[in-house]
């Protein structure tokens, strides 16, 4: 599987750190960190999976992490939140959108077979 970001493209308030394009084996994990501006430190951070035109939340910083598969942590002093996705499988393929809630910009990454 290939995991990549949109060239670490900054889309306003968030930027994927560092720029990523890598190949992972089924069962491996990936970690992405997202930088945000200090004015957003108290806002909810999230990551969702695109389902046609709807983005279904997979994790949010204001909710208890739903399980071991995907985790989100927010280091407010460094202004970076991190999304960890464990044990990737083909069913995890798709486009993921991560960002700060109620901010129109974000960063996205892909998992491709």
N, C-alpha and C. Protein backbone atom coordinates (compact mmCIF):
# COMPACT_ATOMS: atom_id res chain seq x y z
N UNK A 1 0.85 -1.16 0.00
CA UNK A 1 0.00 0.00 0.00
C UNK A 1 0.90 1.23 0.00
N UNK A 2 0.40 2.30 -0.58
CA UNK A 2 1.12 3.57 -0.60
C UNK A 2 0.36 4.57 0.25
N UNK A 3 1.10 5.28 1.10
CA UNK A 3 0.52 6.33 1.93
C UNK A 3 1.19 7.63 1.52
N UNK A 4 0.40 8.65 1.20
CA UNK A 4 1.01 9.92 0.80
C UNK A 4 0.14 11.09 1.20
N UNK A 5 0.78 12.24 1.35
CA UNK A 5 0.06 13.48 1.62
C UNK A 5 0.06 14.27 0.33
N UNK A 6 -0.66 15.34 0.32
CA UNK A 6 -0.67 16.23 -0.84
C UNK A 6 0.60 17.08 -0.76
N UNK A 7 1.75 16.42 -0.91
CA UNK A 7 3.06 17.09 -0.88
C UNK A 7 3.25 17.95 0.36
N UNK A 8 2.64 17.55 1.46
CA UNK A 8 2.76 18.33 2.69
C UNK A 8 2.20 19.72 2.52
N UNK A 9 1.29 19.86 1.61
CA UNK A 9 0.76 21.17 1.24
C UNK A 9 0.12 21.87 2.42
N UNK A 10 0.50 23.09 2.62
CA UNK A 10 -0.14 23.91 3.64
C UNK A 10 -1.48 24.38 3.09
N UNK A 11 -2.52 24.19 3.87
CA UNK A 11 -3.84 24.62 3.44
C UNK A 11 -4.41 25.55 4.50
N UNK A 12 -3.76 26.66 4.69
CA UNK A 12 -4.22 27.62 5.67
C UNK A 12 -3.60 27.38 7.02
N UNK A 13 -4.40 26.89 7.97
CA UNK A 13 -3.95 26.81 9.35
C UNK A 13 -3.20 25.53 9.69
N UNK A 14 -3.20 24.53 8.80
CA UNK A 14 -2.54 23.28 9.09
C UNK A 14 -1.51 22.93 8.03
N UNK A 15 -0.50 22.19 8.43
CA UNK A 15 0.49 21.67 7.49
C UNK A 15 0.91 20.30 7.98
N UNK A 16 0.97 19.35 7.07
CA UNK A 16 1.42 18.02 7.42
C UNK A 16 2.93 18.07 7.60
N UNK A 17 3.42 17.51 8.69
CA UNK A 17 4.84 17.51 8.99
C UNK A 17 5.32 16.08 9.20
N UNK A 18 6.39 15.64 8.63
CA UNK A 18 7.01 16.21 7.45
C UNK A 18 6.28 15.75 6.19
N UNK A 19 6.73 16.24 5.03
CA UNK A 19 6.14 15.78 3.78
C UNK A 19 6.33 14.27 3.70
N UNK A 20 5.31 13.55 3.31
CA UNK A 20 5.37 12.09 3.33
C UNK A 20 4.93 11.48 2.01
N UNK A 21 5.61 10.44 1.62
CA UNK A 21 5.18 9.55 0.55
C UNK A 21 5.93 8.25 0.81
N UNK A 22 5.22 7.25 1.24
CA UNK A 22 5.90 6.03 1.61
C UNK A 22 5.06 4.83 1.29
N UNK A 23 5.71 3.70 1.24
CA UNK A 23 5.02 2.44 1.00
C UNK A 23 5.07 1.64 2.29
N UNK A 24 3.92 1.09 2.66
CA UNK A 24 3.86 0.28 3.87
C UNK A 24 3.27 -1.08 3.53
N UNK A 25 3.64 -2.05 4.31
CA UNK A 25 3.11 -3.40 4.14
C UNK A 25 1.81 -3.51 4.94
N UNK A 26 0.94 -4.38 4.50
CA UNK A 26 -0.28 -4.65 5.24
C UNK A 26 0.10 -5.04 6.66
N UNK A 27 -0.60 -4.45 7.62
CA UNK A 27 -0.33 -4.72 9.02
C UNK A 27 0.58 -3.71 9.69
N UNK A 28 1.23 -2.83 8.90
CA UNK A 28 2.09 -1.81 9.48
C UNK A 28 1.28 -0.60 9.91
N UNK A 29 1.96 0.36 10.55
CA UNK A 29 1.31 1.56 11.07
C UNK A 29 1.88 2.81 10.41
N UNK A 30 1.12 3.91 10.43
CA UNK A 30 1.60 5.21 9.95
C UNK A 30 1.27 6.27 10.99
N UNK A 31 2.12 7.30 11.02
CA UNK A 31 1.93 8.42 11.94
C UNK A 31 2.08 9.70 11.14
N UNK A 32 1.10 10.60 11.28
CA UNK A 32 1.17 11.91 10.66
C UNK A 32 1.03 12.97 11.73
N UNK A 33 1.82 14.02 11.62
CA UNK A 33 1.71 15.16 12.54
C UNK A 33 1.28 16.38 11.75
N UNK A 34 0.44 17.20 12.37
CA UNK A 34 -0.13 18.37 11.72
C UNK A 34 0.14 19.60 12.57
N UNK A 35 0.76 20.60 12.00
CA UNK A 35 1.07 21.85 12.68
C UNK A 35 -0.12 22.79 12.54
N UNK A 36 -0.42 23.56 13.60
CA UNK A 36 -1.50 24.53 13.53
C UNK A 36 -1.07 25.82 14.23
N UNK A 37 -1.80 26.90 13.95
CA UNK A 37 -1.51 28.21 14.54
C UNK A 37 -1.95 28.24 16.00
N UNK A 38 -1.28 29.06 16.79
CA UNK A 38 -1.53 29.12 18.23
C UNK A 38 -2.97 29.50 18.56
N UNK A 39 -3.63 30.27 17.70
CA UNK A 39 -5.01 30.67 17.99
C UNK A 39 -5.98 29.48 17.99
N UNK A 40 -5.53 28.33 17.46
CA UNK A 40 -6.37 27.14 17.39
C UNK A 40 -6.05 26.10 18.45
N UNK A 41 -5.20 26.45 19.42
CA UNK A 41 -4.75 25.43 20.38
C UNK A 41 -5.89 24.83 21.20
N UNK A 42 -6.95 25.59 21.46
CA UNK A 42 -8.06 25.07 22.26
C UNK A 42 -9.20 24.49 21.41
N UNK A 43 -9.03 24.48 20.11
CA UNK A 43 -10.06 23.94 19.22
C UNK A 43 -9.94 22.42 19.09
N UNK A 44 -11.01 21.79 18.68
CA UNK A 44 -11.04 20.34 18.48
C UNK A 44 -10.27 19.98 17.22
N UNK A 45 -9.39 19.00 17.32
CA UNK A 45 -8.68 18.47 16.16
C UNK A 45 -9.36 17.17 15.76
N UNK A 46 -9.35 16.85 14.47
CA UNK A 46 -10.08 15.67 14.00
C UNK A 46 -9.40 15.04 12.80
N UNK A 47 -9.84 13.85 12.49
CA UNK A 47 -9.47 13.19 11.25
C UNK A 47 -10.70 12.39 10.83
N UNK A 48 -11.05 12.51 9.55
CA UNK A 48 -12.21 11.79 9.05
C UNK A 48 -11.86 11.12 7.72
N UNK A 49 -12.65 10.14 7.35
CA UNK A 49 -12.46 9.43 6.10
C UNK A 49 -13.54 9.86 5.12
N UNK A 50 -13.10 10.26 3.93
CA UNK A 50 -14.05 10.73 2.91
C UNK A 50 -14.88 9.55 2.39
N UNK A 51 -16.19 9.73 2.41
CA UNK A 51 -17.14 8.75 1.87
C UNK A 51 -18.01 9.50 0.88
N UNK A 52 -17.64 9.49 -0.36
CA UNK A 52 -18.26 10.27 -1.42
C UNK A 52 -18.12 11.75 -1.07
N UNK A 53 -19.22 12.43 -0.72
CA UNK A 53 -19.10 13.85 -0.39
C UNK A 53 -19.21 14.09 1.12
N UNK A 54 -19.31 13.03 1.88
CA UNK A 54 -19.42 13.11 3.34
C UNK A 54 -18.10 12.69 3.96
N UNK A 55 -17.72 13.37 5.02
CA UNK A 55 -16.51 13.02 5.73
C UNK A 55 -16.91 12.42 7.08
N UNK A 56 -16.68 11.13 7.25
CA UNK A 56 -17.07 10.42 8.46
C UNK A 56 -15.92 10.47 9.47
N UNK A 57 -16.17 11.06 10.66
CA UNK A 57 -15.14 11.15 11.68
C UNK A 57 -14.61 9.76 12.04
N UNK A 58 -13.29 9.65 12.09
CA UNK A 58 -12.69 8.42 12.60
C UNK A 58 -12.06 8.68 13.96
N UNK A 59 -11.72 9.94 14.23
CA UNK A 59 -11.15 10.28 15.54
C UNK A 59 -11.26 11.79 15.75
N UNK A 60 -11.49 12.19 17.00
CA UNK A 60 -11.56 13.61 17.37
C UNK A 60 -10.86 13.78 18.71
N UNK A 61 -10.23 14.94 18.91
CA UNK A 61 -9.49 15.18 20.15
C UNK A 61 -10.40 15.41 21.35
N UNK A 62 -11.68 15.72 21.13
CA UNK A 62 -12.58 15.96 22.25
C UNK A 62 -13.37 14.72 22.65
N UNK A 63 -13.09 13.60 22.03
CA UNK A 63 -13.78 12.36 22.35
C UNK A 63 -12.76 11.33 22.81
N UNK A 64 -13.20 10.47 23.68
CA UNK A 64 -12.33 9.38 24.10
C UNK A 64 -11.99 8.56 22.86
N UNK A 65 -10.71 8.24 22.69
CA UNK A 65 -10.32 7.46 21.52
C UNK A 65 -11.13 6.16 21.50
N UNK A 66 -11.77 5.88 20.35
CA UNK A 66 -12.71 4.76 20.27
C UNK A 66 -12.06 3.39 20.33
N UNK A 67 -10.78 3.30 20.18
CA UNK A 67 -10.15 1.98 20.20
C UNK A 67 -8.67 2.08 19.94
N UNK A 68 -8.09 0.98 19.63
CA UNK A 68 -6.64 0.91 19.46
C UNK A 68 -6.22 1.20 18.02
N UNK A 69 -7.11 1.16 17.06
CA UNK A 69 -6.74 1.27 15.64
C UNK A 69 -6.25 2.65 15.23
N UNK A 70 -6.95 3.70 15.64
CA UNK A 70 -6.56 5.05 15.26
C UNK A 70 -6.60 5.95 16.50
N UNK A 71 -5.54 6.70 16.70
CA UNK A 71 -5.40 7.55 17.88
C UNK A 71 -5.06 8.97 17.46
N UNK A 72 -5.46 9.93 18.29
CA UNK A 72 -5.11 11.32 18.06
C UNK A 72 -4.57 11.90 19.37
N UNK A 73 -3.48 12.63 19.28
CA UNK A 73 -2.93 13.33 20.44
C UNK A 73 -2.67 14.77 20.02
N UNK A 74 -2.80 15.68 20.98
CA UNK A 74 -2.63 17.10 20.69
C UNK A 74 -1.60 17.69 21.66
N UNK A 75 -0.46 18.10 21.12
CA UNK A 75 0.56 18.76 21.92
C UNK A 75 0.38 20.26 21.74
N UNK A 76 -0.38 20.88 22.63
CA UNK A 76 -0.72 22.29 22.48
C UNK A 76 0.48 23.20 22.66
N UNK A 77 1.47 22.79 23.44
CA UNK A 77 2.65 23.65 23.61
C UNK A 77 3.48 23.73 22.33
N UNK A 78 3.50 22.65 21.54
CA UNK A 78 4.20 22.66 20.26
C UNK A 78 3.28 23.01 19.10
N UNK A 79 1.98 23.09 19.36
CA UNK A 79 0.97 23.38 18.34
C UNK A 79 0.99 22.33 17.22
N UNK A 80 1.02 21.07 17.64
CA UNK A 80 1.05 19.95 16.70
C UNK A 80 0.11 18.87 17.21
N UNK A 81 -0.76 18.37 16.32
CA UNK A 81 -1.50 17.17 16.70
C UNK A 81 -1.07 16.03 15.81
N UNK A 82 -1.14 14.83 16.37
CA UNK A 82 -0.62 13.65 15.70
C UNK A 82 -1.72 12.60 15.58
N UNK A 83 -1.81 12.01 14.39
CA UNK A 83 -2.75 10.92 14.14
C UNK A 83 -1.92 9.66 13.87
N UNK A 84 -2.21 8.62 14.62
CA UNK A 84 -1.55 7.32 14.45
C UNK A 84 -2.59 6.32 14.00
N UNK A 85 -2.31 5.64 12.90
CA UNK A 85 -3.20 4.60 12.40
C UNK A 85 -2.42 3.29 12.42
N UNK A 86 -2.92 2.33 13.19
CA UNK A 86 -2.21 1.07 13.40
C UNK A 86 -2.79 -0.04 12.53
N UNK A 87 -1.93 -0.98 12.20
CA UNK A 87 -2.30 -2.19 11.46
C UNK A 87 -3.15 -1.89 10.23
N UNK A 88 -2.55 -1.24 9.24
CA UNK A 88 -3.26 -0.90 8.01
C UNK A 88 -3.65 -2.15 7.23
N UNK A 89 -4.88 -2.13 6.73
CA UNK A 89 -5.39 -3.19 5.88
C UNK A 89 -5.96 -2.55 4.63
N UNK A 90 -6.23 -3.34 3.62
CA UNK A 90 -6.78 -2.83 2.36
C UNK A 90 -8.08 -2.05 2.60
N UNK A 91 -8.87 -2.46 3.57
CA UNK A 91 -10.13 -1.76 3.85
C UNK A 91 -9.90 -0.34 4.37
N UNK A 92 -8.68 -0.03 4.79
CA UNK A 92 -8.35 1.32 5.25
C UNK A 92 -8.03 2.26 4.09
N UNK A 93 -7.95 1.73 2.86
CA UNK A 93 -7.65 2.57 1.70
C UNK A 93 -8.67 3.69 1.58
N UNK A 94 -8.22 4.85 1.15
CA UNK A 94 -9.13 5.97 0.96
C UNK A 94 -8.46 7.29 1.23
N UNK A 95 -9.25 8.34 1.22
CA UNK A 95 -8.77 9.69 1.47
C UNK A 95 -9.19 10.11 2.87
N UNK A 96 -8.25 10.63 3.63
CA UNK A 96 -8.50 11.09 4.98
C UNK A 96 -8.27 12.60 5.05
N UNK A 97 -9.12 13.30 5.75
CA UNK A 97 -9.03 14.74 5.92
C UNK A 97 -8.82 15.01 7.40
N UNK A 98 -7.77 15.74 7.73
CA UNK A 98 -7.46 16.04 9.13
C UNK A 98 -7.33 17.55 9.28
N UNK A 99 -7.77 18.06 10.43
CA UNK A 99 -7.67 19.49 10.62
C UNK A 99 -8.19 19.94 11.97
N UNK A 100 -8.44 21.23 12.06
CA UNK A 100 -8.99 21.86 13.25
C UNK A 100 -10.47 22.13 12.98
N UNK A 101 -11.32 21.68 13.88
CA UNK A 101 -12.77 21.82 13.67
C UNK A 101 -13.18 23.29 13.61
N UNK A 102 -14.06 23.57 12.68
CA UNK A 102 -14.61 24.91 12.44
C UNK A 102 -13.61 25.84 11.76
N UNK A 103 -12.57 25.27 11.21
CA UNK A 103 -11.62 26.03 10.39
C UNK A 103 -11.74 25.43 9.00
N UNK A 104 -12.01 26.24 7.97
CA UNK A 104 -12.32 25.68 6.65
C UNK A 104 -11.15 24.98 5.95
N UNK A 105 -9.94 25.19 6.41
CA UNK A 105 -8.81 24.55 5.76
C UNK A 105 -8.40 23.31 6.54
N UNK A 106 -7.62 22.47 5.90
CA UNK A 106 -7.11 21.27 6.55
C UNK A 106 -6.04 20.66 5.68
N UNK A 107 -5.64 19.47 6.02
CA UNK A 107 -4.65 18.74 5.24
C UNK A 107 -5.18 17.34 5.03
N UNK A 108 -4.84 16.75 3.91
CA UNK A 108 -5.35 15.41 3.67
C UNK A 108 -4.24 14.48 3.24
N UNK A 109 -4.52 13.18 3.42
CA UNK A 109 -3.59 12.14 3.05
C UNK A 109 -4.36 10.95 2.52
N UNK A 110 -3.66 10.13 1.78
CA UNK A 110 -4.28 9.01 1.08
C UNK A 110 -3.65 7.69 1.49
N UNK A 111 -4.46 6.67 1.52
CA UNK A 111 -3.95 5.30 1.62
C UNK A 111 -4.45 4.61 0.36
N UNK A 112 -3.52 4.13 -0.44
CA UNK A 112 -3.87 3.48 -1.70
C UNK A 112 -3.37 2.04 -1.70
N UNK A 113 -4.12 1.18 -2.37
CA UNK A 113 -3.71 -0.22 -2.48
C UNK A 113 -2.52 -0.36 -3.40
